[in-house]
Amino acid sequence: MRLRLPSLLLLILLPGLAWAQPTAGDVLREAYRAAEAQFEGVDTYIVTTTMEGSMALFDSMKVYARKVETDDGYTFVTEARPFGGMAAMAGRAAPEGTRPASDLLGLNRKLYELFRNTARYEGTETIHSRTAHVVAIDDATALYRAMQPDGPAMDRLQARNARLSFDADTWDLLKTEMEVSVGDGTTDRTVHTVTELQDYRQTGSLRYPSRVVTRTSSPLSDAERQELEQRRRQMEAQLQQLPEAQRRQLEGMLNMSAGMTSGEIEIIMVTKDVQVNVPLPEATGGR
């Protein structure tokens, strides 16, 4: 059987053409594989960040992570500890009940496990001069609950219309966007959230964003805005009567109140230091 030239070229180019239009499952798989490759040689890591802008509620935060073997491989147990600012209110570096933090490997694994067959591929977009594959998820509630199992009102939370953008070269997660609503069905509050993970830097095999910017918006009714403004005035009246540590905490709450009154909040986390395969403090379960 003789193949015509166009047919022969089609056979040669078919693999490349197929990848030129990947499925959402393809993108999630490659992002997961890239994350696995980064974390393969990592046993522990410590990330130090600061919070900037009007929402700076603490001076710095350290995330401690250690690898834990599981039946199907390994995962990372992570713990976040804030220092200074509102964290200093208790008079110690870390308050009781340090908060869990999600690691990038766990996030990519959950995305692949939960949505590889149901997510949609929506083409590419450009984010800070980087080409990114866009994956859409209609209902991302399962992901939100998996990554924050102890979060507030998880039984009444819904995460919808999620869009995730992955760097087409490195498979780094560059942006997430979703609508999160919490309520009893009659008084639901919906918050639109956009998070950008910017300027990844390399430490050993580990790539970590040097800046994470989260913007949330949620329209307020006139009554809600008036109530928040009244609380803000009450806190301002109390401010000068407090010791310095308590005053710093209240100032942070005032900044948050101002953002909530406008219906828009911006949180900026700046990575100051990343350490890989270093001893962890005993209190974190490190060795």
C-alpha atoms as a PDB file:
ATOM      1  CA  MET A   1       0.000   0.000   0.000  1.00  0.00           C
ATOM      2  CA  ARG A   2       1.444   3.332  -1.062  1.00  0.00           C
ATOM      3  CA  LEU A   3       1.019   6.296   1.309  1.00  0.00           C
ATOM      4  CA  ARG A   4       0.547   9.682  -0.237  1.00  0.00           C
ATOM      5  CA  LEU A   5       2.836  12.443   0.991  1.00  0.00           C
ATOM      6  CA  PRO A   6       0.122  14.309   2.979  1.00  0.00           C
ATOM      7  CA  SER A   7      -0.815  11.072   4.765  1.00  0.00           C
ATOM      8  CA  LEU A   8       2.822  10.328   5.591  1.00  0.00           C
ATOM      9  CA  LEU A   9       3.344  13.831   6.981  1.00  0.00           C
ATOM     10  CA  LEU A  10       0.212  13.461   9.081  1.00  0.00           C
ATOM     11  CA  LEU A  11       1.540  10.266  10.659  1.00  0.00           C
ATOM     12  CA  ILE A  12       4.860  11.938  11.437  1.00  0.00           C
ATOM     13  CA  LEU A  13       3.288  15.056  12.910  1.00  0.00           C
ATOM     14  CA  LEU A  14       0.402  13.383  14.725  1.00  0.00           C
ATOM     15  CA  PRO A  15       2.093  13.109  18.163  1.00  0.00           C
ATOM     16  CA  GLY A  16       3.040  16.780  18.103  1.00  0.00           C
ATOM     17  CA  LEU A  17      -0.384  17.824  16.883  1.00  0.00           C
ATOM     18  CA  ALA A  18      -2.036  15.818  19.636  1.00  0.00           C
ATOM     19  CA  TRP A  19       0.037  17.532  22.335  1.00  0.00           C
ATOM     20  CA  ALA A  20      -0.642  20.925  20.761  1.00  0.00           C
ATOM     21  CA  GLN A  21      -4.222  20.423  21.975  1.00  0.00           C
ATOM     22  CA  PRO A  22      -3.787  18.646  25.326  1.00  0.00           C
ATOM     23  CA  THR A  23      -6.636  17.540  27.514  1.00  0.00           C
ATOM     24  CA  ALA A  24      -7.077  18.867  31.026  1.00  0.00           C
ATOM     25  CA  GLY A  25      -5.971  15.448  32.257  1.00  0.00           C
ATOM     26  CA  ASP A  26      -2.724  15.806  30.288  1.00  0.00           C
ATOM     27  CA  VAL A  27      -1.985  19.155  31.919  1.00  0.00           C
ATOM     28  CA  LEU A  28      -2.779  17.958  35.445  1.00  0.00           C
ATOM     29  CA  ARG A  29      -0.656  14.834  34.913  1.00  0.00           C
ATOM     30  CA  GLU A  30       2.365  16.799  33.701  1.00  0.00           C
ATOM     31  CA  ALA A  31       2.064  19.286  36.569  1.00  0.00           C
ATOM     32  CA  TYR A  32       1.928  16.410  39.061  1.00  0.00           C
ATOM     33  CA  ARG A  33       4.934  14.688  37.458  1.00  0.00           C
ATOM     34  CA  ALA A  34       6.941  17.912  37.541  1.00  0.00           C
ATOM     35  CA  ALA A  35       6.117  18.402  41.228  1.00  0.00           C
ATOM     36  CA  GLU A  36       7.086  14.800  42.001  1.00  0.00           C
ATOM     37  CA  ALA A  37      10.440  15.278  40.286  1.00  0.00           C
ATOM     38  CA  GLN A  38      11.127  18.391  42.353  1.00  0.00           C
ATOM     39  CA  PHE A  39      10.279  16.799  45.687  1.00  0.00           C
ATOM     40  CA  GLU A  40      11.878  13.397  45.057  1.00  0.00           C
ATOM     41  CA  GLY A  41      15.173  14.330  46.715  1.00  0.00           C
ATOM     42  CA  VAL A  42      13.625  16.555  49.380  1.00  0.00           C
ATOM     43  CA  ASP A  43      13.193  15.240  52.934  1.00  0.00           C
ATOM     44  CA  THR A  44      12.529  18.531  54.718  1.00  0.00           C
ATOM     45  CA  TYR A  45      12.187  22.175  53.829  1.00  0.00           C
ATOM     46  CA  ILE A  46      11.586  25.476  55.597  1.00  0.00           C
ATOM     47  CA  VAL A  47      10.043  28.498  53.876  1.00  0.00           C
ATOM     48  CA  THR A  48      10.159  31.939  55.506  1.00  0.00           C
ATOM     49  CA  THR A  49       7.682  34.523  54.242  1.00  0.00           C
ATOM     50  CA  THR A  50       6.542  38.003  55.167  1.00  0.00           C
ATOM     51  CA  MET A  51       3.155  39.601  54.655  1.00  0.00           C
ATOM     52  CA  GLU A  52       2.982  43.000  52.970  1.00  0.00           C
ATOM     53  CA  GLY A  53       0.376  45.686  52.462  1.00  0.00           C
ATOM     54  CA  SER A  54      -2.538  46.795  54.614  1.00  0.00           C
ATOM     55  CA  MET A  55      -3.290  43.177  55.498  1.00  0.00           C
ATOM     56  CA  ALA A  56       0.097  42.613  57.173  1.00  0.00           C
ATOM     57  CA  LEU A  57      -1.158  40.880  60.322  1.00  0.00           C
ATOM     58  CA  PHE A  58       2.206  39.365  61.256  1.00  0.00           C
ATOM     59  CA  ASP A  59       5.871  40.116  60.656  1.00  0.00           C
ATOM     60  CA  SER A  60       6.882  36.760  59.227  1.00  0.00           C
ATOM     61  CA  MET A  61       5.807  33.157  58.905  1.00  0.00           C
ATOM     62  CA  LYS A  62       7.776  29.939  58.724  1.00  0.00           C
ATOM     63  CA  VAL A  63       6.406  26.839  57.033  1.00  0.00           C
ATOM     64  CA  TYR A  64       8.062  23.616  58.185  1.00  0.00           C
ATOM     65  CA  ALA A  65       7.622  20.517  56.021  1.00  0.00           C
ATOM     66  CA  ARG A  66       8.868  16.957  56.385  1.00  0.00           C
ATOM     67  CA  LYS A  67       8.458  13.940  54.137  1.00  0.00           C
ATOM     68  CA  VAL A  68       6.336  11.078  55.443  1.00  0.00           C
ATOM     69  CA  GLU A  69       6.162   7.668  53.791  1.00  0.00           C
ATOM     70  CA  THR A  70       2.700   6.418  52.794  1.00  0.00           C
ATOM     71  CA  ASP A  71       1.328   3.190  51.328  1.00  0.00           C
ATOM     72  CA  ASP A  72       1.442   4.629  47.809  1.00  0.00           C
ATOM     73  CA  GLY A  73       4.636   6.672  48.101  1.00  0.00           C
ATOM     74  CA  TYR A  74       5.102   9.724  50.279  1.00  0.00           C
ATOM     75  CA  THR A  75       3.592  13.033  51.238  1.00  0.00           C
ATOM     76  CA  PHE A  76       4.659  16.094  53.228  1.00  0.00           C
ATOM     77  CA  VAL A  77       3.355  17.062  56.636  1.00  0.00           C
ATOM     78  CA  THR A  78       3.455  20.844  56.867  1.00  0.00           C
ATOM     79  CA  GLU A  79       3.033  23.310  59.696  1.00  0.00           C
ATOM     80  CA  ALA A  80       2.890  27.108  59.509  1.00  0.00           C
ATOM     81  CA  ARG A  81       3.933  29.379  62.372  1.00  0.00           C
ATOM     82  CA  PRO A  82       3.424  33.154  62.351  1.00  0.00           C
ATOM     83  CA  PHE A  83       5.816  35.469  64.220  1.00  0.00           C
ATOM     84  CA  GLY A  84       5.328  39.057  65.357  1.00  0.00           C
ATOM     85  CA  GLY A  85       2.380  41.315  64.686  1.00  0.00           C
ATOM     86  CA  MET A  86      -0.848  39.699  65.791  1.00  0.00           C
ATOM     87  CA  ALA A  87       1.059  36.475  66.507  1.00  0.00           C
ATOM     88  CA  ALA A  88       2.985  38.330  69.221  1.00  0.00           C
ATOM     89  CA  MET A  89      -0.230  39.035  71.099  1.00  0.00           C
ATOM     90  CA  ALA A  90       0.136  35.779  73.008  1.00  0.00           C
ATOM     91  CA  GLY A  91       3.664  36.707  74.065  1.00  0.00           C
ATOM     92  CA  ARG A  92       5.370  33.851  72.234  1.00  0.00           C
ATOM     93  CA  ALA A  93       6.625  33.160  68.741  1.00  0.00           C
ATOM     94  CA  ALA A  94       3.975  30.616  67.809  1.00  0.00           C
ATOM     95  CA  PRO A  95       0.429  30.579  69.178  1.00  0.00           C
ATOM     96  CA  GLU A  96      -1.212  27.398  70.361  1.00  0.00           C
ATOM     97  CA  GLY A  97      -2.636  25.293  67.580  1.00  0.00           C
ATOM     98  CA  THR A  98      -0.260  26.153  64.746  1.00  0.00           C
ATOM     99  CA  ARG A  99      -2.054  26.157  61.439  1.00  0.00           C
ATOM    100  CA  PRO A 100      -1.661  23.477  58.753  1.00  0.00           C
ATOM    101  CA  ALA A 101      -0.323  24.588  55.383  1.00  0.00           C
ATOM    102  CA  SER A 102      -0.700  22.927  51.997  1.00  0.00           C
ATOM    103  CA  ASP A 103       2.391  21.963  50.015  1.00  0.00           C
ATOM    104  CA  LEU A 104       2.646  22.267  46.242  1.00  0.00           C
ATOM    105  CA  LEU A 105       3.165  18.524  45.774  1.00  0.00           C
ATOM    106  CA  GLY A 106      -0.002  17.716  47.709  1.00  0.00           C
ATOM    107  CA  LEU A 107      -1.957  20.300  45.738  1.00  0.00           C
ATOM    108  CA  ASN A 108      -0.862  18.916  42.366  1.00  0.00           C
ATOM    109  CA  ARG A 109      -1.520  15.342  43.485  1.00  0.00           C
ATOM    110  CA  LYS A 110      -5.058  16.174  44.609  1.00  0.00           C
ATOM    111  CA  LEU A 111      -5.780  18.063  41.401  1.00  0.00           C
ATOM    112  CA  TYR A 112      -4.753  15.055  39.317  1.00  0.00           C
ATOM    113  CA  GLU A 113      -6.529  12.479  41.480  1.00  0.00           C
ATOM    114  CA  LEU A 114      -9.794  14.384  41.768  1.00  0.00           C
ATOM    115  CA  PHE A 115     -10.210  16.093  38.400  1.00  0.00           C
ATOM    116  CA  ARG A 116      -8.161  14.406  35.671  1.00  0.00           C
ATOM    117  CA  ASN A 117     -11.347  12.992  34.101  1.00  0.00           C
ATOM    118  CA  THR A 118     -13.753  15.877  34.705  1.00  0.00           C
ATOM    119  CA  ALA A 119     -11.769  19.094  34.263  1.00  0.00           C
ATOM    120  CA  ARG A 120     -11.851  20.984  30.956  1.00  0.00           C
ATOM    121  CA  TYR A 121      -8.977  22.354  28.915  1.00  0.00           C
ATOM    122  CA  GLU A 122      -9.571  26.000  27.956  1.00  0.00           C
ATOM    123  CA  GLY A 123      -6.517  26.796  25.871  1.00  0.00           C
ATOM    124  CA  THR A 124      -3.667  29.090  26.846  1.00  0.00           C
ATOM    125  CA  GLU A 125      -3.214  32.549  28.308  1.00  0.00           C
ATOM    126  CA  THR A 126      -0.227  34.792  28.992  1.00  0.00           C
ATOM    127  CA  ILE A 127       0.659  35.542  32.623  1.00  0.00           C
ATOM    128  CA  HIS A 128       3.594  37.881  33.233  1.00  0.00           C
ATOM    129  CA  SER A 129       5.060  37.009  29.814  1.00  0.00           C
ATOM    130  CA  ARG A 130       4.685  33.262  30.454  1.00  0.00           C
ATOM    131  CA  THR A 131       2.456  31.029  28.330  1.00  0.00           C
ATOM    132  CA  ALA A 132       0.133  29.013  30.548  1.00  0.00           C
ATOM    133  CA  HIS A 133      -2.283  26.131  29.979  1.00  0.00           C
ATOM    134  CA  VAL A 134      -5.696  26.822  31.520  1.00  0.00           C
ATOM    135  CA  VAL A 135      -7.757  24.100  33.199  1.00  0.00           C
ATOM    136  CA  ALA A 136     -11.344  24.717  34.330  1.00  0.00           C
ATOM    137  CA  ILE A 137     -13.177  22.884  37.121  1.00  0.00           C
ATOM    138  CA  ASP A 138     -16.889  23.513  37.603  1.00  0.00           C
ATOM    139  CA  ASP A 139     -17.036  22.256  41.195  1.00  0.00           C
ATOM    140  CA  ALA A 140     -13.754  22.385  43.131  1.00  0.00           C
ATOM    141  CA  THR A 141     -15.304  21.860  46.567  1.00  0.00           C
ATOM    142  CA  ALA A 142     -13.616  18.477  47.004  1.00  0.00           C
ATOM    143  CA  LEU A 143     -10.196  20.054  46.415  1.00  0.00           C
ATOM    144  CA  TYR A 144     -10.844  22.907  48.825  1.00  0.00           C
ATOM    145  CA  ARG A 145     -11.956  20.507  51.551  1.00  0.00           C
ATOM    146  CA  ALA A 146      -9.054  18.118  50.945  1.00  0.00           C
ATOM    147  CA  MET A 147      -6.470  20.871  51.307  1.00  0.00           C
ATOM    148  CA  GLN A 148      -8.151  22.564  54.299  1.00  0.00           C
ATOM    149  CA  PRO A 149      -9.967  19.768  56.162  1.00  0.00           C
ATOM    150  CA  ASP A 150     -10.144  21.767  59.397  1.00  0.00           C
ATOM    151  CA  GLY A 151     -11.158  25.046  57.791  1.00  0.00           C
ATOM    152  CA  PRO A 152     -14.212  26.980  58.957  1.00  0.00           C
ATOM    153  CA  ALA A 153     -17.690  25.890  57.869  1.00  0.00           C
ATOM    154  CA  MET A 154     -16.352  23.198  55.538  1.00  0.00           C
ATOM    155  CA  ASP A 155     -19.699  21.407  55.568  1.00  0.00           C
ATOM    156  CA  ARG A 156     -21.379  24.538  54.183  1.00  0.00           C
ATOM    157  CA  LEU A 157     -18.685  25.564  51.721  1.00  0.00           C
ATOM    158  CA  GLN A 158     -18.883  25.387  47.943  1.00  0.00           C
ATOM    159  CA  ALA A 159     -16.041  26.225  45.540  1.00  0.00           C
ATOM    160  CA  ARG A 160     -17.144  26.783  41.941  1.00  0.00           C
ATOM    161  CA  ASN A 161     -15.916  27.970  38.565  1.00  0.00           C
ATOM    162  CA  ALA A 162     -12.261  27.295  39.296  1.00  0.00           C
ATOM    163  CA  ARG A 163      -9.635  28.120  36.666  1.00  0.00           C
ATOM    164  CA  LEU A 164      -6.034  27.037  37.125  1.00  0.00           C
ATOM    165  CA  SER A 165      -3.156  28.173  34.936  1.00  0.00           C
ATOM    166  CA  PHE A 166       0.053  26.128  34.613  1.00  0.00           C
ATOM    167  CA  ASP A 167       3.305  27.307  33.031  1.00  0.00           C
ATOM    168  CA  ALA A 168       3.602  25.591  29.644  1.00  0.00           C
ATOM    169  CA  ASP A 169       7.359  25.034  30.091  1.00  0.00           C
ATOM    170  CA  THR A 170       7.918  24.334  33.792  1.00  0.00           C
ATOM    171  CA  TRP A 171       4.377  23.219  34.786  1.00  0.00           C
ATOM    172  CA  ASP A 172       4.479  25.563  37.772  1.00  0.00           C
ATOM    173  CA  LEU A 173       1.062  26.680  38.972  1.00  0.00           C
ATOM    174  CA  LEU A 174       0.873  30.376  38.049  1.00  0.00           C
ATOM    175  CA  LYS A 175      -2.684  31.373  38.929  1.00  0.00           C
ATOM    176  CA  THR A 176      -5.878  30.099  40.517  1.00  0.00           C
ATOM    177  CA  GLU A 177      -9.283  31.706  40.302  1.00  0.00           C
ATOM    178  CA  MET A 178     -12.530  30.534  41.880  1.00  0.00           C
ATOM    179  CA  GLU A 179     -15.753  31.498  43.589  1.00  0.00           C
ATOM    180  CA  VAL A 180     -16.135  30.298  47.174  1.00  0.00           C
ATOM    181  CA  SER A 181     -19.475  30.516  48.949  1.00  0.00           C
ATOM    182  CA  VAL A 182     -20.391  29.731  52.552  1.00  0.00           C
ATOM    183  CA  GLY A 183     -23.899  29.876  53.952  1.00  0.00           C
ATOM    184  CA  ASP A 184     -27.058  28.081  54.930  1.00  0.00           C
ATOM    185  CA  GLY A 185     -28.667  28.221  51.504  1.00  0.00           C
ATOM    186  CA  THR A 186     -30.561  31.448  52.131  1.00  0.00           C
ATOM    187  CA  THR A 187     -27.806  33.823  53.240  1.00  0.00           C
ATOM    188  CA  ASP A 188     -24.865  32.581  51.199  1.00  0.00           C
ATOM    189  CA  ARG A 189     -21.807  34.815  50.958  1.00  0.00           C
ATOM    190  CA  THR A 190     -19.824  34.398  47.732  1.00  0.00           C
ATOM    191  CA  VAL A 191     -16.203  35.499  47.530  1.00  0.00           C
ATOM    192  CA  HIS A 192     -14.331  35.729  44.235  1.00  0.00           C
ATOM    193  CA  THR A 193     -10.668  34.855  44.776  1.00  0.00           C
ATOM    194  CA  VAL A 194      -7.692  35.222  42.433  1.00  0.00           C
ATOM    195  CA  THR A 195      -4.229  34.052  43.508  1.00  0.00           C
ATOM    196  CA  GLU A 196      -1.072  34.614  41.473  1.00  0.00           C
ATOM    197  CA  LEU A 197       2.100  32.646  42.241  1.00  0.00           C
ATOM    198  CA  GLN A 198       4.870  34.795  40.820  1.00  0.00           C
ATOM    199  CA  ASP A 199       8.571  34.546  40.006  1.00  0.00           C
ATOM    200  CA  TYR A 200       9.472  30.984  40.975  1.00  0.00           C
ATOM    201  CA  ARG A 201      13.021  30.571  42.311  1.00  0.00           C
ATOM    202  CA  GLN A 202      15.124  27.410  42.478  1.00  0.00           C
ATOM    203  CA  THR A 203      16.644  26.031  45.699  1.00  0.00           C
ATOM    204  CA  GLY A 204      18.221  22.675  44.987  1.00  0.00           C
ATOM    205  CA  SER A 205      15.548  20.721  43.110  1.00  0.00           C
ATOM    206  CA  LEU A 206      12.723  22.703  44.713  1.00  0.00           C
ATOM    207  CA  ARG A 207      11.022  25.567  42.888  1.00  0.00           C
ATOM    208  CA  TYR A 208       9.016  27.970  45.036  1.00  0.00           C
ATOM    209  CA  PRO A 209       7.172  31.210  44.192  1.00  0.00           C
ATOM    210  CA  SER A 210       8.928  34.292  45.531  1.00  0.00           C
ATOM    211  CA  ARG A 211       5.664  36.213  45.731  1.00  0.00           C
ATOM    212  CA  VAL A 212       2.041  35.105  46.170  1.00  0.00           C
ATOM    213  CA  VAL A 213      -0.673  37.716  45.663  1.00  0.00           C
ATOM    214  CA  THR A 214      -4.260  36.897  46.622  1.00  0.00           C
ATOM    215  CA  ARG A 215      -7.130  39.241  45.830  1.00  0.00           C
ATOM    216  CA  THR A 216     -10.641  38.640  47.087  1.00  0.00           C
ATOM    217  CA  SER A 217     -13.824  40.547  46.371  1.00  0.00           C
ATOM    218  CA  SER A 218     -17.284  40.165  47.842  1.00  0.00           C
ATOM    219  CA  PRO A 219     -20.039  42.773  47.392  1.00  0.00           C
ATOM    220  CA  LEU A 220     -21.530  44.031  50.662  1.00  0.00           C
ATOM    221  CA  SER A 221     -25.027  45.260  51.324  1.00  0.00           C
ATOM    222  CA  ASP A 222     -25.488  48.761  52.748  1.00  0.00           C
ATOM    223  CA  ALA A 223     -26.445  47.272  56.121  1.00  0.00           C
ATOM    224  CA  GLU A 224     -23.318  45.092  56.224  1.00  0.00           C
ATOM    225  CA  ARG A 225     -21.101  48.011  55.273  1.00  0.00           C
ATOM    226  CA  GLN A 226     -22.617  50.205  57.983  1.00  0.00           C
ATOM    227  CA  GLU A 227     -22.142  47.494  60.603  1.00  0.00           C
ATOM    228  CA  LEU A 228     -18.473  47.054  59.678  1.00  0.00           C
ATOM    229  CA  GLU A 229     -17.907  50.802  59.740  1.00  0.00           C
ATOM    230  CA  GLN A 230     -19.447  51.026  63.200  1.00  0.00           C
ATOM    231  CA  ARG A 231     -17.155  48.279  64.487  1.00  0.00           C
ATOM    232  CA  ARG A 232     -14.190  50.060  62.932  1.00  0.00           C
ATOM    233  CA  ARG A 233     -14.996  53.301  64.770  1.00  0.00           C
ATOM    234  CA  GLN A 234     -15.305  51.399  68.049  1.00  0.00           C
ATOM    235  CA  MET A 235     -11.886  49.798  67.572  1.00  0.00           C
ATOM    236  CA  GLU A 236     -10.305  53.149  66.691  1.00  0.00           C
ATOM    237  CA  ALA A 237     -11.656  54.612  69.937  1.00  0.00           C
ATOM    238  CA  GLN A 238     -10.039  51.781  71.916  1.00  0.00           C
ATOM    239  CA  LEU A 239      -6.705  51.897  70.102  1.00  0.00           C
ATOM    240  CA  GLN A 240      -4.832  54.469  72.190  1.00  0.00           C
ATOM    241  CA  GLN A 241      -5.827  52.878  75.490  1.00  0.00           C
ATOM    242  CA  LEU A 242      -4.053  49.577  74.827  1.00  0.00           C
ATOM    243  CA  PRO A 243      -0.494  48.324  75.465  1.00  0.00           C
ATOM    244  CA  GLU A 244       1.750  48.205  72.403  1.00  0.00           C
ATOM    245  CA  ALA A 245       1.324  44.484  71.667  1.00  0.00           C
ATOM    246  CA  GLN A 246      -2.453  44.707  71.830  1.00  0.00           C
ATOM    247  CA  ARG A 247      -2.391  47.949  69.840  1.00  0.00           C
ATOM    248  CA  ARG A 248      -0.524  46.231  67.012  1.00  0.00           C
ATOM    249  CA  GLN A 249      -3.115  43.484  66.963  1.00  0.00           C
ATOM    250  CA  LEU A 250      -5.959  45.979  66.835  1.00  0.00           C
ATOM    251  CA  GLU A 251      -4.250  47.939  64.061  1.00  0.00           C
ATOM    252  CA  GLY A 252      -4.110  44.738  62.036  1.00  0.00           C
ATOM    253  CA  MET A 253      -7.796  44.174  62.654  1.00  0.00           C
ATOM    254  CA  LEU A 254      -8.516  47.772  61.597  1.00  0.00           C
ATOM    255  CA  ASN A 255      -6.653  47.228  58.337  1.00  0.00           C
ATOM    256  CA  MET A 256      -8.674  44.092  57.727  1.00  0.00           C
ATOM    257  CA  SER A 257     -11.876  45.952  58.561  1.00  0.00           C
ATOM    258  CA  ALA A 258     -11.056  48.657  56.016  1.00  0.00           C
ATOM    259  CA  GLY A 259     -10.615  46.048  53.311  1.00  0.00           C
ATOM    260  CA  MET A 260     -13.795  44.263  54.287  1.00  0.00           C
ATOM    261  CA  THR A 261     -15.758  47.526  54.203  1.00  0.00           C
ATOM    262  CA  SER A 262     -14.716  48.090  50.588  1.00  0.00           C
ATOM    263  CA  GLY A 263     -15.518  44.477  49.744  1.00  0.00           C
ATOM    264  CA  GLU A 264     -11.996  43.907  48.404  1.00  0.00           C
ATOM    265  CA  ILE A 265      -8.929  42.515  50.169  1.00  0.00           C
ATOM    266  CA  GLU A 266      -5.381  41.995  48.883  1.00  0.00           C
ATOM    267  CA  ILE A 267      -2.920  39.720  50.670  1.00  0.00           C
ATOM    268  CA  ILE A 268       0.730  39.657  49.558  1.00  0.00           C
ATOM    269  CA  MET A 269       3.096  36.952  50.782  1.00  0.00           C
ATOM    270  CA  VAL A 270       6.784  37.447  49.961  1.00  0.00           C
ATOM    271  CA  THR A 271       9.209  34.535  50.212  1.00  0.00           C
ATOM    272  CA  LYS A 272      12.380  35.605  52.003  1.00  0.00           C
ATOM    273  CA  ASP A 273      14.180  32.292  52.382  1.00  0.00           C
ATOM    274  CA  VAL A 274      13.872  28.651  51.335  1.00  0.00           C
ATOM    275  CA  GLN A 275      15.973  25.940  52.991  1.00  0.00           C
ATOM    276  CA  VAL A 276      15.966  22.358  51.751  1.00  0.00           C
ATOM    277  CA  ASN A 277      17.001  19.207  53.641  1.00  0.00           C
ATOM    278  CA  VAL A 278      17.739  20.987  56.904  1.00  0.00           C
ATOM    279  CA  PRO A 279      16.915  19.870  60.477  1.00  0.00           C
ATOM    280  CA  LEU A 280      13.487  20.930  61.730  1.00  0.00           C
ATOM    281  CA  PRO A 281      12.728  22.177  65.247  1.00  0.00           C
ATOM    282  CA  GLU A 282      11.675  19.415  67.628  1.00  0.00           C
ATOM    283  CA  ALA A 283       8.286  21.046  68.218  1.00  0.00           C
ATOM    284  CA  THR A 284       7.366  20.500  64.569  1.00  0.00           C
ATOM    285  CA  GLY A 285       8.055  16.783  64.724  1.00  0.00           C
ATOM    286  CA  GLY A 286      11.373  17.250  62.965  1.00  0.00           C
ATOM    287  CA  ARG A 287      14.509  15.279  63.586  1.00  0.00           C
END
